[in-house]
Every structure is written in C-alpha cells, then in structure tokens.
Amino acid sequence: MQAAAAGFALGISLILAIGAQNAFVLRQGLRREHVGAVVMTCAVSDALLVSAGVAGFGALAAAVPGLAAVMRWGGAVFLVVYGGRTLLAAWRGGAVMEAGPAAGGLRRALGTCLALTWLNPHVYLDTVVLLGSVSAQYEARLAFGAGAVTASFVFFITLGYGARALAPLFRRPESWRVLDLVVGLTMWAIAAKLMVG
C-alpha cells in the first residue's frame, strides 16, 4: 500500500504541471468537445508508458549493478530542478486559461492529443525514466506502477470532466500560483525522500 501511495503521489505531482497536453485536455473540457475520447487516450498512453518504465527499468537495474543508485540520484536532481522551475512559475504568477479555439472533429482532436503525448520528450523522462527509476526503490514495484497509473486516470478524468466547474477558478492567475506552489513543494518532498534513501 505504501508503494502504491508513493506511485500515486509522484504520478500526480509530475502530471499536474500544466504543459501542452494538460492544457489541451483542459481546453477540450472547457469546450465539452470529445472529452471522453481525449481523456481515455491520454490516460491509456500514460499507463503504457508507466508500465514500460516500471517493467523495463526493473529488469535493467537488476542487470546493471549500481544503476538504481545512479538513477535515484538523477531522479532526485531532476525533481529538484523541475520543482524549482514550478516554484519559480508560482512566484512569477501564472497566466489565465481560456477555452480557446475549437479543436475540430474527433480525428483531429485525437491526432493532436496523441502528438502532444507521444512526441513530447518530457513524457518519456517523467514516465519511463523517472517513474521507472523510482519504482526500483520499492520491492512492490508493480504496486508503485499501479499507483502511478491510477494517478493518470484520476487526473485526466478529473481534468477533462471537471474543466467546466474549474473554468471560473482558473481564469484567475492566483489559482495557477497555488497549483504551481503545491506541485513544486510535492516534487521537492519526493526528491528529499529519494536523497535520504
């Protein structure tokens, strides 16, 4: 249960940072266009990437002695830097999120969604490398991975279908500042745990 909770917390903290993919899902939700298909595409893509990271990295770590420690410290450094950038964004203040232009038909919306997911190098760093390396710290790697996958589903479903309710809130820059602050501090807390051991 502890591994699953850790996987969920790290998965949520990584995915909460509003990037192109999340902004697209949020906009689709605000416009109520193809929300279910977009949400499931993002969540299933994340599940595949997390599974590859947890399974593949575990096998690689067993084959290469010392790799887990190197990746643990690398993951900690990445989280410190990424968390610092998020905290800097909180300090500077966020932009507002508007619905923006329509994405078009279902095929176009899914094409955009897949491109934002699979062509984004940060997705591979977050899911395959970082989550995979952190999962190696737990005996229950599969539970850790399941927690991270659950975080993806919970996040995307909430983001897509909750967008209309969140629209007034995220028109205020202060809301983005609070979100960035929480995400940055969570990343630093996880990095500290990695460094301690």
N, C-alpha and C. Protein backbone atom coordinates (compact mmCIF):
# COMPACT_ATOMS: atom_id res chain seq x y z
N MET A 1 0.82 -1.20 0.00
CA MET A 1 0.00 0.00 0.00
C MET A 1 0.87 1.26 0.00
N GLN A 2 2.00 1.21 0.71
CA GLN A 2 2.89 2.36 0.77
C GLN A 2 3.49 2.64 -0.60
N ALA A 3 3.86 1.58 -1.33
CA ALA A 3 4.42 1.75 -2.67
C ALA A 3 3.38 2.33 -3.61
N ALA A 4 2.14 1.85 -3.53
CA ALA A 4 1.07 2.36 -4.38
C ALA A 4 0.81 3.83 -4.09
N ALA A 5 0.81 4.20 -2.81
CA ALA A 5 0.59 5.60 -2.44
C ALA A 5 1.72 6.48 -2.95
N ALA A 6 2.96 5.98 -2.85
CA ALA A 6 4.11 6.74 -3.35
C ALA A 6 4.03 6.90 -4.86
N GLY A 7 3.64 5.85 -5.56
CA GLY A 7 3.48 5.93 -7.01
C GLY A 7 2.40 6.92 -7.40
N PHE A 8 1.29 6.91 -6.65
CA PHE A 8 0.19 7.83 -6.92
C PHE A 8 0.67 9.28 -6.69
N ALA A 9 1.36 9.53 -5.57
CA ALA A 9 1.81 10.89 -5.25
C ALA A 9 2.79 11.41 -6.29
N LEU A 10 3.76 10.58 -6.68
CA LEU A 10 4.74 11.02 -7.68
C LEU A 10 4.06 11.20 -9.03
N GLY A 11 3.19 10.27 -9.39
CA GLY A 11 2.48 10.38 -10.67
C GLY A 11 1.66 11.66 -10.75
N ILE A 12 0.93 11.97 -9.69
CA ILE A 12 0.12 13.20 -9.66
C ILE A 12 1.01 14.42 -9.73
N SER A 13 2.10 14.45 -8.96
CA SER A 13 2.95 15.65 -8.94
C SER A 13 3.59 15.90 -10.30
N LEU A 14 3.95 14.83 -11.01
CA LEU A 14 4.55 15.01 -12.34
C LEU A 14 3.52 15.46 -13.36
N ILE A 15 2.32 14.93 -13.27
CA ILE A 15 1.31 15.20 -14.29
C ILE A 15 0.58 16.52 -14.06
N LEU A 16 0.61 17.03 -12.82
CA LEU A 16 -0.10 18.27 -12.50
C LEU A 16 0.48 19.49 -13.20
N ALA A 17 1.76 19.46 -13.48
CA ALA A 17 2.36 20.62 -14.13
C ALA A 17 1.66 20.83 -15.48
N ILE A 18 1.11 22.02 -15.64
CA ILE A 18 0.33 22.27 -16.85
C ILE A 18 1.26 22.47 -18.03
N GLY A 19 1.26 21.50 -18.91
CA GLY A 19 2.01 21.58 -20.15
C GLY A 19 1.04 21.57 -21.31
N ALA A 20 1.56 21.34 -22.48
CA ALA A 20 0.73 21.38 -23.69
C ALA A 20 -0.38 20.33 -23.65
N GLN A 21 -0.06 19.12 -23.20
CA GLN A 21 -1.05 18.04 -23.17
C GLN A 21 -2.18 18.36 -22.20
N ASN A 22 -1.82 18.76 -20.99
CA ASN A 22 -2.84 19.07 -19.99
C ASN A 22 -3.68 20.28 -20.38
N ALA A 23 -3.02 21.27 -20.97
CA ALA A 23 -3.75 22.46 -21.42
C ALA A 23 -4.76 22.07 -22.51
N PHE A 24 -4.36 21.14 -23.39
CA PHE A 24 -5.27 20.68 -24.44
C PHE A 24 -6.48 19.96 -23.83
N VAL A 25 -6.23 19.08 -22.86
CA VAL A 25 -7.33 18.36 -22.21
C VAL A 25 -8.25 19.34 -21.49
N LEU A 26 -7.66 20.30 -20.81
CA LEU A 26 -8.45 21.30 -20.10
C LEU A 26 -9.31 22.11 -21.08
N ARG A 27 -8.73 22.50 -22.18
CA ARG A 27 -9.49 23.25 -23.19
C ARG A 27 -10.62 22.40 -23.78
N GLN A 28 -10.32 21.13 -24.05
CA GLN A 28 -11.38 20.25 -24.56
C GLN A 28 -12.52 20.15 -23.55
N GLY A 29 -12.17 20.06 -22.28
CA GLY A 29 -13.18 20.00 -21.24
C GLY A 29 -13.98 21.29 -21.14
N LEU A 30 -13.30 22.42 -21.25
CA LEU A 30 -13.98 23.71 -21.21
C LEU A 30 -14.97 23.84 -22.37
N ARG A 31 -14.60 23.30 -23.53
CA ARG A 31 -15.45 23.38 -24.72
C ARG A 31 -16.43 22.21 -24.82
N ARG A 32 -16.25 21.18 -23.97
CA ARG A 32 -17.07 19.96 -24.00
C ARG A 32 -17.02 19.27 -25.36
N GLU A 33 -15.82 19.15 -25.91
CA GLU A 33 -15.62 18.50 -27.20
C GLU A 33 -14.79 17.24 -27.06
N HIS A 34 -15.37 16.10 -27.40
CA HIS A 34 -14.65 14.82 -27.44
C HIS A 34 -13.92 14.53 -26.13
N VAL A 35 -14.51 14.91 -25.01
CA VAL A 35 -13.83 14.81 -23.72
C VAL A 35 -13.48 13.37 -23.37
N GLY A 36 -14.44 12.45 -23.49
CA GLY A 36 -14.19 11.06 -23.12
C GLY A 36 -13.08 10.43 -23.93
N ALA A 37 -13.08 10.65 -25.24
CA ALA A 37 -12.05 10.07 -26.10
C ALA A 37 -10.68 10.65 -25.80
N VAL A 38 -10.62 11.95 -25.57
CA VAL A 38 -9.34 12.61 -25.28
C VAL A 38 -8.80 12.15 -23.93
N VAL A 39 -9.68 12.09 -22.92
CA VAL A 39 -9.27 11.66 -21.59
C VAL A 39 -8.73 10.23 -21.62
N MET A 40 -9.45 9.33 -22.28
CA MET A 40 -9.01 7.93 -22.33
C MET A 40 -7.71 7.77 -23.13
N THR A 41 -7.55 8.54 -24.19
CA THR A 41 -6.31 8.49 -24.98
C THR A 41 -5.12 8.88 -24.12
N CYS A 42 -5.25 9.95 -23.38
CA CYS A 42 -4.15 10.40 -22.51
C CYS A 42 -3.87 9.40 -21.39
N ALA A 43 -4.92 8.92 -20.74
CA ALA A 43 -4.74 8.01 -19.60
C ALA A 43 -4.15 6.67 -20.03
N VAL A 44 -4.64 6.10 -21.12
CA VAL A 44 -4.12 4.82 -21.60
C VAL A 44 -2.68 4.98 -22.08
N SER A 45 -2.37 6.09 -22.75
CA SER A 45 -0.98 6.35 -23.18
C SER A 45 -0.05 6.40 -21.98
N ASP A 46 -0.47 7.13 -20.94
CA ASP A 46 0.34 7.20 -19.72
C ASP A 46 0.51 5.83 -19.08
N ALA A 47 -0.57 5.05 -19.05
CA ALA A 47 -0.50 3.71 -18.47
C ALA A 47 0.52 2.85 -19.20
N LEU A 48 0.54 2.92 -20.52
CA LEU A 48 1.52 2.15 -21.30
C LEU A 48 2.94 2.60 -21.01
N LEU A 49 3.15 3.90 -20.95
CA LEU A 49 4.49 4.43 -20.70
C LEU A 49 4.98 4.11 -19.28
N VAL A 50 4.09 4.26 -18.30
CA VAL A 50 4.47 3.93 -16.91
C VAL A 50 4.79 2.45 -16.80
N SER A 51 3.97 1.61 -17.40
CA SER A 51 4.21 0.16 -17.34
C SER A 51 5.55 -0.19 -17.97
N ALA A 52 5.87 0.43 -19.10
CA ALA A 52 7.15 0.19 -19.74
C ALA A 52 8.30 0.62 -18.84
N GLY A 53 8.13 1.76 -18.17
CA GLY A 53 9.18 2.24 -17.28
C GLY A 53 9.39 1.34 -16.08
N VAL A 54 8.30 0.94 -15.44
CA VAL A 54 8.40 0.09 -14.25
C VAL A 54 8.95 -1.29 -14.60
N ALA A 55 8.43 -1.90 -15.66
CA ALA A 55 8.89 -3.25 -16.04
C ALA A 55 10.30 -3.21 -16.62
N GLY A 56 10.53 -2.30 -17.54
CA GLY A 56 11.83 -2.24 -18.21
C GLY A 56 12.95 -1.79 -17.30
N PHE A 57 12.68 -0.79 -16.47
CA PHE A 57 13.75 -0.30 -15.62
C PHE A 57 14.12 -1.30 -14.54
N GLY A 58 13.12 -2.03 -14.05
CA GLY A 58 13.40 -3.05 -13.04
C GLY A 58 14.34 -4.11 -13.58
N ALA A 59 14.10 -4.56 -14.80
CA ALA A 59 14.96 -5.57 -15.41
C ALA A 59 16.35 -5.02 -15.68
N LEU A 60 16.41 -3.77 -16.14
CA LEU A 60 17.70 -3.15 -16.43
C LEU A 60 18.50 -2.93 -15.14
N ALA A 61 17.82 -2.52 -14.07
CA ALA A 61 18.50 -2.29 -12.80
C ALA A 61 19.08 -3.59 -12.23
N ALA A 62 18.37 -4.69 -12.44
CA ALA A 62 18.87 -5.98 -11.96
C ALA A 62 20.08 -6.42 -12.77
N ALA A 63 20.13 -6.05 -14.04
CA ALA A 63 21.23 -6.47 -14.90
C ALA A 63 22.48 -5.60 -14.74
N VAL A 64 22.32 -4.34 -14.35
CA VAL A 64 23.45 -3.41 -14.24
C VAL A 64 23.58 -2.97 -12.79
N PRO A 65 24.53 -3.53 -12.04
CA PRO A 65 24.71 -3.14 -10.63
C PRO A 65 25.05 -1.65 -10.51
N GLY A 66 24.44 -1.00 -9.54
CA GLY A 66 24.71 0.42 -9.30
C GLY A 66 23.84 1.36 -10.11
N LEU A 67 23.14 0.85 -11.12
CA LEU A 67 22.31 1.71 -11.96
C LEU A 67 21.17 2.32 -11.17
N ALA A 68 20.58 1.55 -10.27
CA ALA A 68 19.45 2.06 -9.49
C ALA A 68 19.87 3.27 -8.66
N ALA A 69 21.08 3.21 -8.06
CA ALA A 69 21.54 4.34 -7.25
C ALA A 69 21.79 5.57 -8.11
N VAL A 70 22.39 5.37 -9.27
CA VAL A 70 22.65 6.49 -10.18
C VAL A 70 21.34 7.12 -10.62
N MET A 71 20.37 6.28 -10.98
CA MET A 71 19.09 6.79 -11.43
C MET A 71 18.31 7.44 -10.29
N ARG A 72 18.48 6.91 -9.07
CA ARG A 72 17.80 7.51 -7.92
C ARG A 72 18.28 8.94 -7.73
N TRP A 73 19.61 9.14 -7.78
CA TRP A 73 20.16 10.48 -7.62
C TRP A 73 19.83 11.36 -8.82
N GLY A 74 19.84 10.77 -10.00
CA GLY A 74 19.45 11.52 -11.19
C GLY A 74 18.00 11.96 -11.10
N GLY A 75 17.13 11.05 -10.64
CA GLY A 75 15.72 11.39 -10.46
C GLY A 75 15.54 12.49 -9.42
N ALA A 76 16.32 12.42 -8.34
CA ALA A 76 16.23 13.44 -7.30
C ALA A 76 16.64 14.81 -7.85
N VAL A 77 17.73 14.84 -8.62
CA VAL A 77 18.19 16.10 -9.22
C VAL A 77 17.13 16.65 -10.17
N PHE A 78 16.56 15.75 -10.99
CA PHE A 78 15.53 16.18 -11.93
C PHE A 78 14.35 16.78 -11.18
N LEU A 79 13.91 16.13 -10.10
CA LEU A 79 12.77 16.63 -9.33
C LEU A 79 13.08 17.97 -8.66
N VAL A 80 14.32 18.14 -8.19
CA VAL A 80 14.71 19.42 -7.58
C VAL A 80 14.65 20.53 -8.62
N VAL A 81 15.20 20.27 -9.81
CA VAL A 81 15.20 21.29 -10.87
C VAL A 81 13.78 21.57 -11.36
N TYR A 82 13.03 20.50 -11.64
CA TYR A 82 11.66 20.65 -12.14
C TYR A 82 10.78 21.33 -11.10
N GLY A 83 10.94 20.93 -9.84
CA GLY A 83 10.19 21.57 -8.76
C GLY A 83 10.57 23.03 -8.61
N GLY A 84 11.87 23.33 -8.77
CA GLY A 84 12.32 24.72 -8.71
C GLY A 84 11.70 25.58 -9.81
N ARG A 85 11.63 25.02 -11.01
CA ARG A 85 11.01 25.74 -12.12
C ARG A 85 9.53 26.00 -11.84
N THR A 86 8.87 25.01 -11.25
CA THR A 86 7.45 25.17 -10.94
C THR A 86 7.26 26.21 -9.84
N LEU A 87 8.14 26.21 -8.84
CA LEU A 87 8.05 27.21 -7.78
C LEU A 87 8.37 28.61 -8.31
N LEU A 88 9.28 28.69 -9.26
CA LEU A 88 9.59 29.97 -9.90
C LEU A 88 8.36 30.49 -10.66
N ALA A 89 7.66 29.58 -11.33
CA ALA A 89 6.43 29.96 -12.03
C ALA A 89 5.39 30.46 -11.03
N ALA A 90 5.32 29.81 -9.85
CA ALA A 90 4.38 30.25 -8.81
C ALA A 90 4.74 31.65 -8.33
N TRP A 91 6.03 31.92 -8.17
CA TRP A 91 6.49 33.22 -7.69
C TRP A 91 6.20 34.32 -8.72
N ARG A 92 6.41 33.99 -10.00
CA ARG A 92 6.18 34.98 -11.06
C ARG A 92 4.70 35.22 -11.32
N GLY A 93 3.90 34.21 -11.05
CA GLY A 93 2.47 34.34 -11.31
C GLY A 93 2.09 33.65 -12.60
N GLY A 94 0.94 32.99 -12.59
CA GLY A 94 0.52 32.22 -13.75
C GLY A 94 -0.36 33.02 -14.69
N ALA A 95 -0.57 32.45 -15.85
CA ALA A 95 -1.46 33.03 -16.84
C ALA A 95 -2.85 32.42 -16.65
N VAL A 96 -3.82 33.04 -17.24
CA VAL A 96 -5.17 32.51 -17.16
C VAL A 96 -5.39 31.49 -18.26
N MET A 97 -6.38 30.62 -18.06
CA MET A 97 -6.70 29.59 -19.05
C MET A 97 -8.07 29.89 -19.61
N GLU A 98 -8.14 30.07 -20.90
CA GLU A 98 -9.41 30.28 -21.57
C GLU A 98 -9.70 29.08 -22.46
N ALA A 99 -10.93 28.98 -22.92
CA ALA A 99 -11.32 27.84 -23.74
C ALA A 99 -10.58 27.80 -25.06
N GLY A 100 -10.34 28.93 -25.67
CA GLY A 100 -9.59 28.96 -26.93
C GLY A 100 -10.40 28.41 -28.09
N PRO A 101 -9.75 28.29 -29.26
CA PRO A 101 -10.46 27.83 -30.45
C PRO A 101 -10.79 26.35 -30.38
N ALA A 102 -11.78 25.96 -31.16
CA ALA A 102 -12.19 24.56 -31.20
C ALA A 102 -11.11 23.70 -31.85
N ALA A 103 -11.02 22.44 -31.40
CA ALA A 103 -10.02 21.52 -31.95
C ALA A 103 -10.48 20.93 -33.27
N GLY A 104 -11.77 20.93 -33.54
CA GLY A 104 -12.28 20.34 -34.77
C GLY A 104 -12.92 18.99 -34.50
N GLY A 105 -12.89 18.12 -35.51
CA GLY A 105 -13.50 16.80 -35.39
C GLY A 105 -12.75 15.87 -34.46
N LEU A 106 -13.37 14.69 -34.23
CA LEU A 106 -12.77 13.71 -33.33
C LEU A 106 -11.40 13.26 -33.81
N ARG A 107 -11.25 12.97 -35.09
CA ARG A 107 -9.96 12.51 -35.61
C ARG A 107 -8.87 13.55 -35.38
N ARG A 108 -9.20 14.80 -35.62
CA ARG A 108 -8.21 15.86 -35.41
C ARG A 108 -7.87 16.02 -33.93
N ALA A 109 -8.89 15.95 -33.08
CA ALA A 109 -8.67 16.08 -31.63
C ALA A 109 -7.78 14.95 -31.12
N LEU A 110 -8.05 13.71 -31.56
CA LEU A 110 -7.23 12.58 -31.11
C LEU A 110 -5.82 12.66 -31.69
N GLY A 111 -5.70 13.12 -32.92
CA GLY A 111 -4.36 13.28 -33.52
C GLY A 111 -3.53 14.29 -32.74
N THR A 112 -4.15 15.39 -32.38
CA THR A 112 -3.46 16.41 -31.57
C THR A 112 -3.08 15.84 -30.22
N CYS A 113 -4.01 15.12 -29.62
CA CYS A 113 -3.77 14.52 -28.30
C CYS A 113 -2.61 13.53 -28.35
N LEU A 114 -2.60 12.65 -29.35
CA LEU A 114 -1.52 11.66 -29.49
C LEU A 114 -0.18 12.34 -29.74
N ALA A 115 -0.18 13.37 -30.56
CA ALA A 115 1.08 14.09 -30.84
C ALA A 115 1.61 14.76 -29.58
N LEU A 116 0.72 15.41 -28.82
CA LEU A 116 1.15 16.08 -27.59
C LEU A 116 1.65 15.09 -26.55
N THR A 117 1.16 13.86 -26.62
CA THR A 117 1.58 12.84 -25.66
C THR A 117 2.86 12.15 -26.11
N TRP A 118 2.86 11.54 -27.29
CA TRP A 118 3.94 10.66 -27.70
C TRP A 118 5.14 11.39 -28.31
N LEU A 119 4.97 12.64 -28.73
CA LEU A 119 6.08 13.38 -29.31
C LEU A 119 6.73 14.34 -28.31
N ASN A 120 6.30 14.26 -27.07
CA ASN A 120 6.83 15.13 -26.02
C ASN A 120 7.94 14.40 -25.27
N PRO A 121 9.19 14.86 -25.38
CA PRO A 121 10.29 14.16 -24.69
C PRO A 121 10.14 14.12 -23.17
N HIS A 122 9.46 15.13 -22.60
CA HIS A 122 9.29 15.15 -21.14
C HIS A 122 8.42 13.99 -20.67
N VAL A 123 7.52 13.52 -21.53
CA VAL A 123 6.67 12.38 -21.16
C VAL A 123 7.54 11.16 -20.90
N TYR A 124 8.54 10.94 -21.72
CA TYR A 124 9.42 9.78 -21.55
C TYR A 124 10.30 9.94 -20.31
N LEU A 125 10.77 11.17 -20.07
CA LEU A 125 11.57 11.42 -18.86
C LEU A 125 10.73 11.16 -17.61
N ASP A 126 9.50 11.67 -17.62
CA ASP A 126 8.64 11.54 -16.44
C ASP A 126 8.19 10.11 -16.21
N THR A 127 7.67 9.45 -17.25
CA THR A 127 7.06 8.14 -17.07
C THR A 127 8.06 7.00 -17.11
N VAL A 128 8.82 6.91 -18.19
CA VAL A 128 9.71 5.77 -18.36
C VAL A 128 10.94 5.88 -17.47
N VAL A 129 11.63 7.02 -17.52
CA VAL A 129 12.90 7.15 -16.78
C VAL A 129 12.66 7.42 -15.30
N LEU A 130 11.96 8.51 -15.00
CA LEU A 130 11.83 8.90 -13.59
C LEU A 130 10.97 7.92 -12.79
N LEU A 131 9.75 7.66 -13.25
CA LEU A 131 8.90 6.72 -12.52
C LEU A 131 9.51 5.32 -12.51
N GLY A 132 10.14 4.93 -13.62
CA GLY A 132 10.80 3.62 -13.66
C GLY A 132 11.94 3.52 -12.66
N SER A 133 12.75 4.59 -12.56
CA SER A 133 13.89 4.55 -11.63
C SER A 133 13.43 4.60 -10.18
N VAL A 134 12.42 5.40 -9.89
CA VAL A 134 11.93 5.47 -8.52
C VAL A 134 11.26 4.16 -8.12
N SER A 135 10.59 3.51 -9.06
CA SER A 135 9.92 2.24 -8.76
C SER A 135 10.92 1.17 -8.32
N ALA A 136 12.17 1.28 -8.79
CA ALA A 136 13.19 0.30 -8.43
C ALA A 136 13.53 0.36 -6.94
N GLN A 137 13.15 1.44 -6.26
CA GLN A 137 13.42 1.57 -4.82
C GLN A 137 12.44 0.76 -3.98
N TYR A 138 11.41 0.24 -4.60
CA TYR A 138 10.35 -0.47 -3.88
C TYR A 138 10.34 -1.94 -4.26
N GLU A 139 10.17 -2.80 -3.25
CA GLU A 139 10.02 -4.23 -3.54
C GLU A 139 8.73 -4.47 -4.32
N ALA A 140 7.71 -3.70 -3.98
CA ALA A 140 6.41 -3.83 -4.65
C ALA A 140 6.35 -2.85 -5.83
N ARG A 141 7.22 -3.09 -6.82
CA ARG A 141 7.30 -2.21 -7.99
C ARG A 141 5.97 -2.14 -8.73
N LEU A 142 5.29 -3.29 -8.83
CA LEU A 142 4.02 -3.31 -9.55
C LEU A 142 2.97 -2.45 -8.85
N ALA A 143 2.98 -2.46 -7.52
CA ALA A 143 2.04 -1.62 -6.77
C ALA A 143 2.37 -0.15 -6.99
N PHE A 144 3.66 0.19 -7.03
CA PHE A 144 4.09 1.56 -7.31
C PHE A 144 3.58 1.98 -8.69
N GLY A 145 3.79 1.12 -9.68
CA GLY A 145 3.32 1.40 -11.03
C GLY A 145 1.81 1.54 -11.10
N ALA A 146 1.10 0.67 -10.38
CA ALA A 146 -0.37 0.75 -10.36
C ALA A 146 -0.83 2.07 -9.75
N GLY A 147 -0.12 2.53 -8.72
CA GLY A 147 -0.45 3.82 -8.13
C GLY A 147 -0.25 4.97 -9.11
N ALA A 148 0.85 4.92 -9.87
CA ALA A 148 1.12 5.97 -10.86
C ALA A 148 0.09 5.94 -11.99
N VAL A 149 -0.28 4.74 -12.43
CA VAL A 149 -1.28 4.61 -13.49
C VAL A 149 -2.63 5.12 -12.99
N THR A 150 -2.99 4.78 -11.75
CA THR A 150 -4.24 5.27 -11.17
C THR A 150 -4.25 6.80 -11.12
N ALA A 151 -3.10 7.39 -10.78
CA ALA A 151 -2.99 8.85 -10.75
C ALA A 151 -3.29 9.45 -12.11
N SER A 152 -2.80 8.81 -13.17
CA SER A 152 -3.06 9.31 -14.53
C SER A 152 -4.55 9.29 -14.84
N PHE A 153 -5.20 8.16 -14.56
CA PHE A 153 -6.63 8.07 -14.84
C PHE A 153 -7.42 9.07 -14.02
N VAL A 154 -7.12 9.16 -12.73
CA VAL A 154 -7.83 10.10 -11.86
C VAL A 154 -7.63 11.53 -12.35
N PHE A 155 -6.39 11.86 -12.69
CA PHE A 155 -6.09 13.22 -13.11
C PHE A 155 -6.80 13.59 -14.41
N PHE A 156 -6.65 12.75 -15.43
CA PHE A 156 -7.23 13.10 -16.73
C PHE A 156 -8.76 13.12 -16.70
N ILE A 157 -9.36 12.19 -15.98
CA ILE A 157 -10.82 12.19 -15.87
C ILE A 157 -11.29 13.45 -15.14
N THR A 158 -10.61 13.78 -14.05
CA THR A 158 -10.97 14.98 -13.29
C THR A 158 -10.75 16.24 -14.12
N LEU A 159 -9.63 16.30 -14.82
CA LEU A 159 -9.31 17.49 -15.62
C LEU A 159 -10.30 17.66 -16.76
N GLY A 160 -10.57 16.59 -17.50
CA GLY A 160 -11.46 16.68 -18.64
C GLY A 160 -12.90 17.00 -18.26
N TYR A 161 -13.41 16.24 -17.29
CA TYR A 161 -14.81 16.41 -16.92
C TYR A 161 -15.04 17.49 -15.88
N GLY A 162 -14.01 17.87 -15.16
CA GLY A 162 -14.16 18.92 -14.16
C GLY A 162 -13.82 20.30 -14.69
N ALA A 163 -13.42 20.38 -15.95
CA ALA A 163 -12.97 21.65 -16.51
C ALA A 163 -14.03 22.74 -16.42
N ARG A 164 -15.27 22.40 -16.73
CA ARG A 164 -16.34 23.41 -16.69
C ARG A 164 -16.49 23.99 -15.29
N ALA A 165 -16.40 23.14 -14.29
CA ALA A 165 -16.52 23.62 -12.91
C ALA A 165 -15.31 24.46 -12.51
N LEU A 166 -14.13 24.13 -13.07
CA LEU A 166 -12.90 24.84 -12.73
C LEU A 166 -12.69 26.10 -13.55
N ALA A 167 -13.47 26.29 -14.61
CA ALA A 167 -13.26 27.42 -15.51
C ALA A 167 -13.18 28.77 -14.80
N PRO A 168 -14.14 29.10 -13.92
CA PRO A 168 -14.05 30.41 -13.25
C PRO A 168 -12.80 30.52 -12.37
N LEU A 169 -12.44 29.42 -11.73
CA LEU A 169 -11.27 29.42 -10.84
C LEU A 169 -9.99 29.68 -11.61
N PHE A 170 -9.82 29.00 -12.76
CA PHE A 170 -8.56 29.10 -13.49
C PHE A 170 -8.51 30.28 -14.46
N ARG A 171 -9.49 31.16 -14.35
CA ARG A 171 -9.38 32.44 -15.04
C ARG A 171 -8.63 33.44 -14.17
N ARG A 172 -8.33 33.02 -12.95
CA ARG A 172 -7.60 33.88 -12.01
C ARG A 172 -6.15 33.40 -11.89
N PRO A 173 -5.19 34.28 -12.15
CA PRO A 173 -3.77 33.88 -12.07
C PRO A 173 -3.37 33.34 -10.71
N GLU A 174 -4.05 33.77 -9.64
CA GLU A 174 -3.70 33.29 -8.29
C GLU A 174 -3.89 31.78 -8.17
N SER A 175 -4.88 31.26 -8.88
CA SER A 175 -5.14 29.82 -8.83
C SER A 175 -3.97 29.04 -9.40
N TRP A 176 -3.40 29.53 -10.50
CA TRP A 176 -2.24 28.86 -11.10
C TRP A 176 -1.04 28.94 -10.15
N ARG A 177 -0.93 30.06 -9.43
CA ARG A 177 0.19 30.21 -8.49
C ARG A 177 0.10 29.17 -7.38
N VAL A 178 -1.10 28.98 -6.85
CA VAL A 178 -1.30 28.00 -5.78
C VAL A 178 -1.01 26.59 -6.31
N LEU A 179 -1.53 26.27 -7.50
CA LEU A 179 -1.28 24.96 -8.10
C LEU A 179 0.21 24.72 -8.29
N ASP A 180 0.92 25.71 -8.86
CA ASP A 180 2.36 25.57 -9.07
C ASP A 180 3.10 25.41 -7.74
N LEU A 181 2.68 26.13 -6.73
CA LEU A 181 3.32 26.03 -5.41
C LEU A 181 3.18 24.63 -4.84
N VAL A 182 1.97 24.08 -4.89
CA VAL A 182 1.73 22.73 -4.36
C VAL A 182 2.53 21.69 -5.15
N VAL A 183 2.53 21.81 -6.47
CA VAL A 183 3.27 20.85 -7.31
C VAL A 183 4.77 20.94 -7.02
N GLY A 184 5.32 22.14 -6.97
CA GLY A 184 6.75 22.31 -6.71
C GLY A 184 7.17 21.75 -5.36
N LEU A 185 6.40 22.03 -4.32
CA LEU A 185 6.73 21.52 -2.98
C LEU A 185 6.62 20.00 -2.91
N THR A 186 5.63 19.44 -3.61
CA THR A 186 5.50 17.98 -3.64
C THR A 186 6.71 17.34 -4.31
N MET A 187 7.15 17.92 -5.41
CA MET A 187 8.33 17.39 -6.10
C MET A 187 9.56 17.47 -5.22
N TRP A 188 9.74 18.56 -4.51
CA TRP A 188 10.89 18.70 -3.62
C TRP A 188 10.81 17.69 -2.47
N ALA A 189 9.63 17.45 -1.96
CA ALA A 189 9.47 16.47 -0.87
C ALA A 189 9.86 15.06 -1.36
N ILE A 190 9.44 14.71 -2.56
CA ILE A 190 9.79 13.39 -3.12
C ILE A 190 11.29 13.31 -3.39
N ALA A 191 11.87 14.39 -3.88
CA ALA A 191 13.32 14.43 -4.13
C ALA A 191 14.09 14.24 -2.81
N ALA A 192 13.64 14.88 -1.75
CA ALA A 192 14.29 14.74 -0.44
C ALA A 192 14.24 13.30 0.03
N LYS A 193 13.08 12.65 -0.17
CA LYS A 193 12.95 11.24 0.22
C LYS A 193 13.90 10.36 -0.58
N LEU A 194 14.04 10.65 -1.86
CA LEU A 194 14.98 9.88 -2.69
C LEU A 194 16.41 10.04 -2.21
N MET A 195 16.79 11.27 -1.84
CA MET A 195 18.16 11.55 -1.40
C MET A 195 18.47 10.88 -0.07
N VAL A 196 17.47 10.84 0.82
CA VAL A 196 17.68 10.23 2.12
C VAL A 196 17.84 8.73 1.99
N GLY A 197 17.14 8.14 1.03
CA GLY A 197 17.40 6.74 0.82
C GLY A 197 16.21 5.88 0.64
